[in-house]
Structure formats: structure tokens, C-alpha cells
Amino acid sequence: MTGSSMSRMHGRPVRDEIIRRMALEISGTWAVVLQEHLEAAAEQVGGFAGERELVSHSPAAWALYQELFPALNEEFTEKLSEFRNKWQQRYSLNVLLPALIQGHWIEQDAEGWFFNMRGSVQELKNLYYETLHLMVGDAEKFLVMKSSRILHIQDRITQIWHKEALLSPASKILPSLEAGMRDAEIRLFKHMREGLSTLAYQHYAAAFKGARGKSLRYPTAAFAARNIGKYWNPLGLWETGFLGYLQNFCDYVAGLQRLMGDWYHNKWTLYLRGFSIGQLDLFRSRRGYSMR
């Protein structure tokens, strides 16, 4: 899509390899459609009548995306801040401590208060489901919600864009390419979202490696609670280890949601600006080469 400028990129990517990888991801139906448009554009005689200087550029879709995507990113940045604040309250010592005592995770004997964890797999799962599972589930819903909103905006953009891409076969090239790559794109972000719970549990379980053995005794229940999950709070910055976990987790979720927003913003910046008529020779078929 960037033509000869690709040879100036860092690392000098191999153009044929990039196209090969794209061809493997594109859906079969749209690969056929794209090939037909490429061949028709290459065979068109007498110039590209009706084309503007920028082929496939959609002023209306461009204006809509410039309005909606920044607003969406701002909205979900605020929602994530609300999410963080909500769970900070739930993992504060005065809320967490009674729950841990009620669940018999913190108990007392003649020597003092202790964390009642022997380190079995079942115990790890039980504590996770009682403390972190709901929070991780809320984060998954948050990412699904943003993904759904993004795809809704994308559908509005593409409806406008495809209606305007009727001037010539060349004007249909970018809309066909985008449509063909969309399923692979959706699968990628779905895979990232679905991997969130696995990563969350791995980070949780890492705090209790080697937990078997005699439990330490503490003078108060609060002291015992503060020392659970020190792995997530190595410098003691947070009131509880679970608050340290929350900060790490929210930072990761923030990165995912920012990646989603940046991806689609940059994607539509690339597509909706179109390409100049002078670049049309980039799409002419090479002998012996086919997108099929």
C-alpha cells in the first residue's frame, strides 16, 4: 500500500513476503473480489475517468471517524479509571480483611494470626475465585464492550465508504482489501481478550509458589492480611498485596484497550485517506503473480 517507500523502512522488509502474509490472512471470498478489481483496474484503458486525485478517499467517512474514535477512547479511559477506583475500594484493608477472616483464610492460634494457605492447587483456585475472579470478569466485559463499540463505529464508516467506492474498479481496491482482512483482525483481538483470564491467574499463582510449610505468625489479623501477596507489592507501597495486583492488572488492561483504540484509529487513517492516482501502477498485476 505504500509502494516503493517500503524499501526505505527500517529493516527493509521484503515486499513479496509482506504480500504473501496478507494473502494468507485474507478471506477466500474477498481474495477473489480483490483479484477481480486489481485485474480490472490494470486493464482499464483511457485513464480512470471519474476518479478524484485521491482514489478511495472518503471525506464523509473520514469526518465521522475523526469525530467518533477519539471520543470513544476518551470515554473508555474514563471507564477504566472508574473500574480501578471501584476495585481499589474493595481491596482496601477494611473491606478485604473481614472477607478473608470469614473465608477462614486468616485464622488465629496460640502463636498469633496466620494466613491459612498450604499451597494446594485447589486452595489456590478457591482463593482466586473468592478474591480476584469477579474483578477479572469485569475487565473482560470492559474489553468486550469496547470491542463491540469499535466494530459498530467501523460498520458505520464502511457503509459510507463502500457507497462512495463505485467510481471505478480502482476505487474498490482498498474497501475490498479492508473487508478481506477484517475477520483475521477480529480473531486477533478476540484471542487477546480471551487470554486475559489465563494471564491473570498466572500472575496470581506466581505469588504463592513455595507456599507449603509452616505459616508465619503475626501479632494482628491486619498484619497477616497485609502480607498476603507480597509478590505483587514488593516495596510495600500498597495497603494490601491485592491492591498491588490490581495496579499491575489495570495497567495491562489499559495497554490492551489503548492498543485496540490505536489500531483502529491508525487503520482508518491509512485506509480513508486513499491513495493518489499516480500510485495506481502499484496495483498492476505482475506476470506469474496472483493474490489467489
C-alpha atoms as a PDB file:
ATOM      1  CA  MET A   1       0.000   0.000   0.000  1.00  0.00           C
ATOM      2  CA  THR A   2       2.986   2.300   0.422  1.00  0.00           C
ATOM      3  CA  GLY A   3       4.784   1.225  -2.739  1.00  0.00           C
ATOM      4  CA  SER A   4       8.488   1.903  -3.168  1.00  0.00           C
ATOM      5  CA  SER A   5       8.663   3.699   0.199  1.00  0.00           C
ATOM      6  CA  MET A   6       8.611   0.254   1.844  1.00  0.00           C
ATOM      7  CA  SER A   7      12.196  -0.253   0.772  1.00  0.00           C
ATOM      8  CA  ARG A   8      13.199   2.695   2.955  1.00  0.00           C
ATOM      9  CA  MET A   9      11.617   1.316   6.119  1.00  0.00           C
ATOM     10  CA  HIS A  10      13.812   0.130   8.971  1.00  0.00           C
ATOM     11  CA  GLY A  11      14.906  -3.454   8.362  1.00  0.00           C
ATOM     12  CA  ARG A  12      13.984  -3.248   4.662  1.00  0.00           C
ATOM     13  CA  PRO A  13      11.033  -5.682   4.709  1.00  0.00           C
ATOM     14  CA  VAL A  14      10.661  -7.954   1.695  1.00  0.00           C
ATOM     15  CA  ARG A  15       7.645  -6.737  -0.234  1.00  0.00           C
ATOM     16  CA  ASP A  16       6.702 -10.175  -1.588  1.00  0.00           C
ATOM     17  CA  GLU A  17       6.840 -11.671   1.916  1.00  0.00           C
ATOM     18  CA  ILE A  18       4.510  -8.991   3.286  1.00  0.00           C
ATOM     19  CA  ILE A  19       2.029  -9.584   0.470  1.00  0.00           C
ATOM     20  CA  ARG A  20       2.267 -13.349   0.996  1.00  0.00           C
ATOM     21  CA  ARG A  21       1.426 -12.994   4.679  1.00  0.00           C
ATOM     22  CA  MET A  22      -1.502 -10.708   3.882  1.00  0.00           C
ATOM     23  CA  ALA A  23      -2.761 -13.173   1.283  1.00  0.00           C
ATOM     24  CA  LEU A  24      -2.743 -15.973   3.863  1.00  0.00           C
ATOM     25  CA  GLU A  25      -4.925 -13.912   6.206  1.00  0.00           C
ATOM     26  CA  ILE A  26      -7.437 -12.559   3.701  1.00  0.00           C
ATOM     27  CA  SER A  27     -10.766 -14.380   3.429  1.00  0.00           C
ATOM     28  CA  GLY A  28     -11.168 -16.529   0.320  1.00  0.00           C
ATOM     29  CA  THR A  29     -14.264 -14.724  -0.974  1.00  0.00           C
ATOM     30  CA  TRP A  30     -12.717 -11.293  -0.699  1.00  0.00           C
ATOM     31  CA  ALA A  31      -9.458 -12.533  -2.217  1.00  0.00           C
ATOM     32  CA  VAL A  32     -11.395 -13.372  -5.394  1.00  0.00           C
ATOM     33  CA  VAL A  33     -13.182  -9.999  -5.351  1.00  0.00           C
ATOM     34  CA  LEU A  34      -9.929  -8.125  -4.784  1.00  0.00           C
ATOM     35  CA  GLN A  35      -8.222 -10.002  -7.612  1.00  0.00           C
ATOM     36  CA  GLU A  36     -11.034  -9.066  -9.986  1.00  0.00           C
ATOM     37  CA  HIS A  37     -10.773  -5.387  -9.075  1.00  0.00           C
ATOM     38  CA  LEU A  38      -6.980  -5.442  -9.448  1.00  0.00           C
ATOM     39  CA  GLU A  39      -7.216  -7.026 -12.888  1.00  0.00           C
ATOM     40  CA  ALA A  40      -9.970  -4.653 -13.990  1.00  0.00           C
ATOM     41  CA  ALA A  41      -8.012  -1.617 -12.806  1.00  0.00           C
ATOM     42  CA  ALA A  42      -4.871  -2.819 -14.601  1.00  0.00           C
ATOM     43  CA  GLU A  43      -6.745  -3.372 -17.856  1.00  0.00           C
ATOM     44  CA  GLN A  44      -8.717  -0.120 -17.812  1.00  0.00           C
ATOM     45  CA  VAL A  45      -7.923   1.971 -20.873  1.00  0.00           C
ATOM     46  CA  GLY A  46      -8.016   5.710 -21.279  1.00  0.00           C
ATOM     47  CA  GLY A  47      -7.259   6.694 -17.720  1.00  0.00           C
ATOM     48  CA  PHE A  48      -9.502   6.479 -14.697  1.00  0.00           C
ATOM     49  CA  ALA A  49     -12.489   8.585 -15.613  1.00  0.00           C
ATOM     50  CA  GLY A  50     -14.429   9.909 -12.666  1.00  0.00           C
ATOM     51  CA  GLU A  51     -11.645   9.343 -10.166  1.00  0.00           C
ATOM     52  CA  ARG A  52     -10.579  12.159  -7.910  1.00  0.00           C
ATOM     53  CA  GLU A  53      -6.956  12.907  -7.165  1.00  0.00           C
ATOM     54  CA  LEU A  54      -7.186  10.633  -4.115  1.00  0.00           C
ATOM     55  CA  VAL A  55      -8.735   7.292  -5.033  1.00  0.00           C
ATOM     56  CA  SER A  56     -10.965   5.716  -2.318  1.00  0.00           C
ATOM     57  CA  HIS A  57     -10.673   8.804  -0.133  1.00  0.00           C
ATOM     58  CA  SER A  58     -13.989   9.344   1.659  1.00  0.00           C
ATOM     59  CA  PRO A  59     -14.421  12.822   3.167  1.00  0.00           C
ATOM     60  CA  ALA A  60     -17.669  11.846   4.911  1.00  0.00           C
ATOM     61  CA  ALA A  61     -16.263   8.650   6.445  1.00  0.00           C
ATOM     62  CA  TRP A  62     -13.048  10.492   7.369  1.00  0.00           C
ATOM     63  CA  ALA A  63     -15.008  13.178   9.237  1.00  0.00           C
ATOM     64  CA  LEU A  64     -17.072  10.531  11.067  1.00  0.00           C
ATOM     65  CA  TYR A  65     -14.032   8.537  12.188  1.00  0.00           C
ATOM     66  CA  GLN A  66     -12.229  11.712  13.330  1.00  0.00           C
ATOM     67  CA  GLU A  67     -15.244  12.512  15.478  1.00  0.00           C
ATOM     68  CA  LEU A  68     -16.078   9.099  16.922  1.00  0.00           C
ATOM     69  CA  PHE A  69     -12.799   7.285  17.610  1.00  0.00           C
ATOM     70  CA  PRO A  70     -11.119   9.951  19.800  1.00  0.00           C
ATOM     71  CA  ALA A  71     -14.373  10.348  21.748  1.00  0.00           C
ATOM     72  CA  LEU A  72     -14.605   6.575  22.231  1.00  0.00           C
ATOM     73  CA  ASN A  73     -11.026   6.325  23.502  1.00  0.00           C
ATOM     74  CA  GLU A  74     -11.625   9.172  25.938  1.00  0.00           C
ATOM     75  CA  GLU A  75     -14.837   7.530  27.177  1.00  0.00           C
ATOM     76  CA  PHE A  76     -13.179   4.180  27.845  1.00  0.00           C
ATOM     77  CA  THR A  77     -10.168   5.747  29.504  1.00  0.00           C
ATOM     78  CA  GLU A  78     -12.637   7.267  31.947  1.00  0.00           C
ATOM     79  CA  LYS A  79     -14.468   3.935  32.360  1.00  0.00           C
ATOM     80  CA  LEU A  80     -11.196   2.191  33.177  1.00  0.00           C
ATOM     81  CA  SER A  81     -10.442   4.831  35.804  1.00  0.00           C
ATOM     82  CA  GLU A  82     -13.847   4.142  37.355  1.00  0.00           C
ATOM     83  CA  PHE A  83     -13.106   0.399  37.241  1.00  0.00           C
ATOM     84  CA  ARG A  84      -9.799   0.915  39.034  1.00  0.00           C
ATOM     85  CA  ASN A  85     -11.374   3.104  41.724  1.00  0.00           C
ATOM     86  CA  LYS A  86     -14.183   0.611  42.319  1.00  0.00           C
ATOM     87  CA  TRP A  87     -11.823  -2.299  42.919  1.00  0.00           C
ATOM     88  CA  GLN A  88      -9.377  -0.202  44.936  1.00  0.00           C
ATOM     89  CA  GLN A  89     -12.150   0.254  47.470  1.00  0.00           C
ATOM     90  CA  ARG A  90     -12.904  -3.483  47.531  1.00  0.00           C
ATOM     91  CA  TYR A  91      -9.256  -4.404  48.071  1.00  0.00           C
ATOM     92  CA  SER A  92      -8.701  -1.850  50.816  1.00  0.00           C
ATOM     93  CA  LEU A  93      -7.797  -3.404  54.143  1.00  0.00           C
ATOM     94  CA  ASN A  94     -11.044  -2.535  55.937  1.00  0.00           C
ATOM     95  CA  VAL A  95     -13.107  -4.312  53.235  1.00  0.00           C
ATOM     96  CA  LEU A  96     -10.748  -7.181  52.441  1.00  0.00           C
ATOM     97  CA  LEU A  97      -9.867  -8.213  55.989  1.00  0.00           C
ATOM     98  CA  PRO A  98     -13.407  -9.233  57.114  1.00  0.00           C
ATOM     99  CA  ALA A  99     -13.839 -11.270  53.912  1.00  0.00           C
ATOM    100  CA  LEU A 100     -10.554 -13.116  54.475  1.00  0.00           C
ATOM    101  CA  ILE A 101     -11.465 -13.882  58.085  1.00  0.00           C
ATOM    102  CA  GLN A 102     -14.955 -15.026  57.126  1.00  0.00           C
ATOM    103  CA  GLY A 103     -13.492 -17.313  54.457  1.00  0.00           C
ATOM    104  CA  HIS A 104     -11.040 -18.751  57.041  1.00  0.00           C
ATOM    105  CA  TRP A 105      -8.057 -17.549  55.016  1.00  0.00           C
ATOM    106  CA  ILE A 106      -6.812 -15.712  58.087  1.00  0.00           C
ATOM    107  CA  GLU A 107      -7.031 -17.556  61.396  1.00  0.00           C
ATOM    108  CA  GLN A 108      -5.640 -17.324  64.879  1.00  0.00           C
ATOM    109  CA  ASP A 109      -3.981 -19.855  67.161  1.00  0.00           C
ATOM    110  CA  ALA A 110      -1.947 -19.652  70.361  1.00  0.00           C
ATOM    111  CA  GLU A 111       1.043 -18.243  68.460  1.00  0.00           C
ATOM    112  CA  GLY A 112      -0.820 -15.454  66.641  1.00  0.00           C
ATOM    113  CA  TRP A 113      -2.609 -14.702  63.393  1.00  0.00           C
ATOM    114  CA  PHE A 114      -1.602 -16.530  60.209  1.00  0.00           C
ATOM    115  CA  PHE A 115      -2.502 -16.928  56.520  1.00  0.00           C
ATOM    116  CA  ASN A 116      -4.221 -20.318  56.277  1.00  0.00           C
ATOM    117  CA  MET A 117      -2.801 -21.469  52.933  1.00  0.00           C
ATOM    118  CA  ARG A 118      -0.970 -24.761  52.486  1.00  0.00           C
ATOM    119  CA  GLY A 119      -0.394 -24.171  48.777  1.00  0.00           C
ATOM    120  CA  SER A 120      -2.512 -26.896  47.166  1.00  0.00           C
ATOM    121  CA  VAL A 121      -3.904 -26.340  43.686  1.00  0.00           C
ATOM    122  CA  GLN A 122      -7.464 -26.402  44.970  1.00  0.00           C
ATOM    123  CA  GLU A 123      -6.690 -23.832  47.667  1.00  0.00           C
ATOM    124  CA  LEU A 124      -5.128 -21.544  45.074  1.00  0.00           C
ATOM    125  CA  LYS A 125      -8.236 -21.777  42.908  1.00  0.00           C
ATOM    126  CA  ASN A 126     -10.561 -21.212  45.867  1.00  0.00           C
ATOM    127  CA  LEU A 127      -8.770 -18.050  46.975  1.00  0.00           C
ATOM    128  CA  TYR A 128      -8.650 -16.779  43.387  1.00  0.00           C
ATOM    129  CA  TYR A 129     -12.393 -17.269  42.919  1.00  0.00           C
ATOM    130  CA  GLU A 130     -13.160 -15.591  46.238  1.00  0.00           C
ATOM    131  CA  THR A 131     -10.936 -12.540  45.675  1.00  0.00           C
ATOM    132  CA  LEU A 132      -9.954 -11.881  42.050  1.00  0.00           C
ATOM    133  CA  HIS A 133     -12.269 -13.803  39.743  1.00  0.00           C
ATOM    134  CA  LEU A 134     -15.062 -11.210  39.656  1.00  0.00           C
ATOM    135  CA  MET A 135     -12.600  -8.391  39.056  1.00  0.00           C
ATOM    136  CA  VAL A 136     -11.050 -10.207  36.091  1.00  0.00           C
ATOM    137  CA  GLY A 137     -14.527 -10.943  34.734  1.00  0.00           C
ATOM    138  CA  ASP A 138     -15.402  -7.237  34.938  1.00  0.00           C
ATOM    139  CA  ALA A 139     -12.265  -6.411  32.966  1.00  0.00           C
ATOM    140  CA  GLU A 140     -13.179  -8.948  30.262  1.00  0.00           C
ATOM    141  CA  LYS A 141     -16.635  -7.362  29.958  1.00  0.00           C
ATOM    142  CA  PHE A 142     -14.987  -3.953  29.704  1.00  0.00           C
ATOM    143  CA  LEU A 143     -12.826  -5.069  26.767  1.00  0.00           C
ATOM    144  CA  VAL A 144     -15.728  -6.833  25.042  1.00  0.00           C
ATOM    145  CA  MET A 145     -17.782  -3.649  25.385  1.00  0.00           C
ATOM    146  CA  LYS A 146     -15.072  -1.534  23.801  1.00  0.00           C
ATOM    147  CA  SER A 147     -14.579  -4.044  21.004  1.00  0.00           C
ATOM    148  CA  SER A 148     -18.318  -4.046  20.305  1.00  0.00           C
ATOM    149  CA  ARG A 149     -18.428  -0.255  20.178  1.00  0.00           C
ATOM    150  CA  ILE A 150     -15.421  -0.152  17.854  1.00  0.00           C
ATOM    151  CA  LEU A 151     -16.984  -2.629  15.450  1.00  0.00           C
ATOM    152  CA  HIS A 152     -20.243  -0.656  15.478  1.00  0.00           C
ATOM    153  CA  ILE A 153     -18.376   2.532  14.526  1.00  0.00           C
ATOM    154  CA  GLN A 154     -16.444   0.601  11.890  1.00  0.00           C
ATOM    155  CA  ASP A 155     -19.693  -0.647  10.353  1.00  0.00           C
ATOM    156  CA  ARG A 156     -20.980   2.930  10.092  1.00  0.00           C
ATOM    157  CA  ILE A 157     -17.743   4.029   8.451  1.00  0.00           C
ATOM    158  CA  THR A 158     -17.652   1.185   5.938  1.00  0.00           C
ATOM    159  CA  GLN A 159     -21.266   1.723   4.892  1.00  0.00           C
ATOM    160  CA  ILE A 160     -20.389   5.263   3.853  1.00  0.00           C
ATOM    161  CA  TRP A 161     -17.044   4.253   2.358  1.00  0.00           C
ATOM    162  CA  HIS A 162     -18.413   1.410   0.211  1.00  0.00           C
ATOM    163  CA  LYS A 163     -21.191   3.620  -1.165  1.00  0.00           C
ATOM    164  CA  GLU A 164     -18.579   6.122  -2.345  1.00  0.00           C
ATOM    165  CA  ALA A 165     -16.339   3.408  -3.851  1.00  0.00           C
ATOM    166  CA  LEU A 166     -18.388   3.000  -7.015  1.00  0.00           C
ATOM    167  CA  LEU A 167     -16.491   5.155  -9.477  1.00  0.00           C
ATOM    168  CA  SER A 168     -14.158   2.540 -10.958  1.00  0.00           C
ATOM    169  CA  PRO A 169     -12.526  -0.837 -10.199  1.00  0.00           C
ATOM    170  CA  ALA A 170      -9.574   1.041  -8.719  1.00  0.00           C
ATOM    171  CA  SER A 171     -11.779   2.779  -6.160  1.00  0.00           C
ATOM    172  CA  LYS A 172     -12.951  -0.629  -4.906  1.00  0.00           C
ATOM    173  CA  ILE A 173      -9.464  -1.988  -4.189  1.00  0.00           C
ATOM    174  CA  LEU A 174      -8.985  -0.594  -0.685  1.00  0.00           C
ATOM    175  CA  PRO A 175     -12.560  -1.344   0.500  1.00  0.00           C
ATOM    176  CA  SER A 176     -12.157  -4.930  -0.734  1.00  0.00           C
ATOM    177  CA  LEU A 177      -8.775  -5.320   0.968  1.00  0.00           C
ATOM    178  CA  GLU A 178     -10.111  -3.978   4.270  1.00  0.00           C
ATOM    179  CA  ALA A 179     -13.162  -6.259   4.152  1.00  0.00           C
ATOM    180  CA  GLY A 180     -10.986  -9.274   3.395  1.00  0.00           C
ATOM    181  CA  MET A 181      -8.640  -8.653   6.329  1.00  0.00           C
ATOM    182  CA  ARG A 182     -11.363  -7.865   8.862  1.00  0.00           C
ATOM    183  CA  ASP A 183     -12.060 -11.426  10.088  1.00  0.00           C
ATOM    184  CA  ALA A 184      -8.369 -12.013  10.841  1.00  0.00           C
ATOM    185  CA  GLU A 185      -8.247  -8.701  12.690  1.00  0.00           C
ATOM    186  CA  ILE A 186     -11.291  -9.590  14.804  1.00  0.00           C
ATOM    187  CA  ARG A 187      -9.825 -13.015  15.616  1.00  0.00           C
ATOM    188  CA  LEU A 188      -6.590 -11.408  16.782  1.00  0.00           C
ATOM    189  CA  PHE A 189      -8.263  -9.097  19.289  1.00  0.00           C
ATOM    190  CA  LYS A 190     -10.622 -11.861  20.441  1.00  0.00           C
ATOM    191  CA  HIS A 191      -7.576 -14.027  21.163  1.00  0.00           C
ATOM    192  CA  MET A 192      -6.044 -11.203  23.230  1.00  0.00           C
ATOM    193  CA  ARG A 193      -9.237 -10.741  25.243  1.00  0.00           C
ATOM    194  CA  GLU A 194      -9.712 -14.443  25.860  1.00  0.00           C
ATOM    195  CA  GLY A 195      -6.123 -14.743  27.066  1.00  0.00           C
ATOM    196  CA  LEU A 196      -6.697 -12.168  29.790  1.00  0.00           C
ATOM    197  CA  SER A 197      -8.074 -14.618  32.387  1.00  0.00           C
ATOM    198  CA  THR A 198      -5.188 -17.039  31.814  1.00  0.00           C
ATOM    199  CA  LEU A 199      -2.607 -14.287  32.316  1.00  0.00           C
ATOM    200  CA  ALA A 200      -4.475 -13.026  35.361  1.00  0.00           C
ATOM    201  CA  TYR A 201      -4.391 -16.442  37.024  1.00  0.00           C
ATOM    202  CA  GLN A 202      -0.722 -16.989  36.179  1.00  0.00           C
ATOM    203  CA  HIS A 203       0.219 -13.668  37.778  1.00  0.00           C
ATOM    204  CA  TYR A 204      -1.914 -14.554  40.801  1.00  0.00           C
ATOM    205  CA  ALA A 205      -0.457 -18.061  41.227  1.00  0.00           C
ATOM    206  CA  ALA A 206       3.121 -16.765  40.978  1.00  0.00           C
ATOM    207  CA  ALA A 207       2.699 -15.136  44.397  1.00  0.00           C
ATOM    208  CA  PHE A 208       2.149 -18.475  46.120  1.00  0.00           C
ATOM    209  CA  LYS A 209       4.896 -20.626  44.698  1.00  0.00           C
ATOM    210  CA  GLY A 210       6.593 -22.481  47.515  1.00  0.00           C
ATOM    211  CA  ALA A 211       3.819 -21.606  49.968  1.00  0.00           C
ATOM    212  CA  ARG A 212       3.893 -25.046  51.589  1.00  0.00           C
ATOM    213  CA  GLY A 213       5.302 -25.284  55.079  1.00  0.00           C
ATOM    214  CA  LYS A 214       4.784 -23.602  58.413  1.00  0.00           C
ATOM    215  CA  SER A 215       2.885 -20.313  58.124  1.00  0.00           C
ATOM    216  CA  LEU A 216       4.337 -17.175  59.650  1.00  0.00           C
ATOM    217  CA  ARG A 217       2.551 -15.761  62.709  1.00  0.00           C
ATOM    218  CA  TYR A 218       1.623 -12.093  63.057  1.00  0.00           C
ATOM    219  CA  PRO A 219       0.503 -10.050  66.067  1.00  0.00           C
ATOM    220  CA  THR A 220      -2.749  -8.899  64.404  1.00  0.00           C
ATOM    221  CA  ALA A 221      -5.134 -10.066  61.692  1.00  0.00           C
ATOM    222  CA  ALA A 222      -4.485  -6.846  59.766  1.00  0.00           C
ATOM    223  CA  PHE A 223      -0.763  -7.547  59.800  1.00  0.00           C
ATOM    224  CA  ALA A 224      -1.385 -11.015  58.390  1.00  0.00           C
ATOM    225  CA  ALA A 225      -3.654  -9.637  55.645  1.00  0.00           C
ATOM    226  CA  ARG A 226      -1.096  -7.024  54.603  1.00  0.00           C
ATOM    227  CA  ASN A 227       1.475  -9.748  53.979  1.00  0.00           C
ATOM    228  CA  ILE A 228      -0.658 -11.846  51.632  1.00  0.00           C
ATOM    229  CA  GLY A 229       0.625 -11.477  48.079  1.00  0.00           C
ATOM    230  CA  LYS A 230       3.817  -9.555  48.847  1.00  0.00           C
ATOM    231  CA  TYR A 231       4.945 -10.687  45.385  1.00  0.00           C
ATOM    232  CA  TRP A 232       2.568  -8.071  43.917  1.00  0.00           C
ATOM    233  CA  ASN A 233       3.618  -5.406  46.403  1.00  0.00           C
ATOM    234  CA  PRO A 234       7.384  -5.882  46.878  1.00  0.00           C
ATOM    235  CA  LEU A 235       8.069  -2.343  48.083  1.00  0.00           C
ATOM    236  CA  GLY A 236       5.071  -2.190  50.373  1.00  0.00           C
ATOM    237  CA  LEU A 237       3.561   0.769  48.532  1.00  0.00           C
ATOM    238  CA  TRP A 238       0.023  -0.527  48.774  1.00  0.00           C
ATOM    239  CA  GLU A 239      -2.131  -1.208  51.817  1.00  0.00           C
ATOM    240  CA  THR A 240      -2.649  -4.824  50.694  1.00  0.00           C
ATOM    241  CA  GLY A 241      -0.980  -7.099  48.193  1.00  0.00           C
ATOM    242  CA  PHE A 242      -4.262  -7.291  46.297  1.00  0.00           C
ATOM    243  CA  LEU A 243      -4.068  -3.562  45.641  1.00  0.00           C
ATOM    244  CA  GLY A 244      -0.627  -4.121  44.136  1.00  0.00           C
ATOM    245  CA  TYR A 245      -2.089  -6.881  41.958  1.00  0.00           C
ATOM    246  CA  LEU A 246      -4.885  -4.538  40.889  1.00  0.00           C
ATOM    247  CA  GLN A 247      -2.458  -1.847  39.736  1.00  0.00           C
ATOM    248  CA  ASN A 248      -0.464  -4.319  37.636  1.00  0.00           C
ATOM    249  CA  PHE A 249      -3.628  -5.806  36.171  1.00  0.00           C
ATOM    250  CA  CYS A 250      -5.235  -2.449  35.375  1.00  0.00           C
ATOM    251  CA  ASP A 251      -2.043  -1.245  33.692  1.00  0.00           C
ATOM    252  CA  TYR A 252      -2.164  -4.314  31.444  1.00  0.00           C
ATOM    253  CA  VAL A 253      -5.862  -3.822  30.648  1.00  0.00           C
ATOM    254  CA  ALA A 254      -5.172  -0.160  29.913  1.00  0.00           C
ATOM    255  CA  GLY A 255      -2.497  -1.237  27.453  1.00  0.00           C
ATOM    256  CA  LEU A 256      -4.902  -3.624  25.711  1.00  0.00           C
ATOM    257  CA  GLN A 257      -7.681  -1.101  25.389  1.00  0.00           C
ATOM    258  CA  ARG A 258      -5.235   1.547  24.191  1.00  0.00           C
ATOM    259  CA  LEU A 259      -3.849  -0.912  21.630  1.00  0.00           C
ATOM    260  CA  MET A 260      -7.358  -1.557  20.321  1.00  0.00           C
ATOM    261  CA  GLY A 261      -8.097   2.142  20.043  1.00  0.00           C
ATOM    262  CA  ASP A 262      -4.762   2.991  18.416  1.00  0.00           C
ATOM    263  CA  TRP A 263      -5.016   0.072  15.982  1.00  0.00           C
ATOM    264  CA  TYR A 264      -8.398   1.087  14.597  1.00  0.00           C
ATOM    265  CA  HIS A 265      -7.570   4.786  14.616  1.00  0.00           C
ATOM    266  CA  ASN A 266      -4.366   4.184  12.642  1.00  0.00           C
ATOM    267  CA  LYS A 267      -6.069   1.649  10.388  1.00  0.00           C
ATOM    268  CA  TRP A 268      -8.742   4.085   9.284  1.00  0.00           C
ATOM    269  CA  THR A 269      -6.250   6.925   8.987  1.00  0.00           C
ATOM    270  CA  LEU A 270      -4.458   4.750   6.443  1.00  0.00           C
ATOM    271  CA  TYR A 271      -7.478   3.484   4.530  1.00  0.00           C
ATOM    272  CA  LEU A 272      -9.705   6.547   4.379  1.00  0.00           C
ATOM    273  CA  ARG A 273      -7.025   8.864   3.051  1.00  0.00           C
ATOM    274  CA  GLY A 274      -6.964   6.631  -0.046  1.00  0.00           C
ATOM    275  CA  PHE A 275      -4.086   6.728  -2.489  1.00  0.00           C
ATOM    276  CA  SER A 276      -3.144   9.050  -5.327  1.00  0.00           C
ATOM    277  CA  ILE A 277      -3.891   8.277  -8.964  1.00  0.00           C
ATOM    278  CA  GLY A 278      -0.138   8.224  -9.523  1.00  0.00           C
ATOM    279  CA  GLN A 279       0.102   5.125  -7.332  1.00  0.00           C
ATOM    280  CA  LEU A 280      -2.276   3.051  -9.460  1.00  0.00           C
ATOM    281  CA  ASP A 281       0.587   1.323 -11.235  1.00  0.00           C
ATOM    282  CA  LEU A 282       1.401  -0.336  -7.866  1.00  0.00           C
ATOM    283  CA  PHE A 283      -1.675  -2.492  -8.313  1.00  0.00           C
ATOM    284  CA  ARG A 284      -0.920  -3.721 -11.808  1.00  0.00           C
ATOM    285  CA  SER A 285      -0.518  -7.498 -11.910  1.00  0.00           C
ATOM    286  CA  ARG A 286       2.941  -8.955 -12.266  1.00  0.00           C
ATOM    287  CA  ARG A 287       3.471 -11.798 -14.662  1.00  0.00           C
ATOM    288  CA  GLY A 288       3.028 -15.103 -12.820  1.00  0.00           C
ATOM    289  CA  TYR A 289       1.761 -13.445  -9.637  1.00  0.00           C
ATOM    290  CA  SER A 290      -1.758 -13.652  -8.284  1.00  0.00           C
ATOM    291  CA  MET A 291      -3.418 -12.780  -4.976  1.00  0.00           C
ATOM    292  CA  ARG A 292      -5.333 -16.023  -5.347  1.00  0.00           C
END
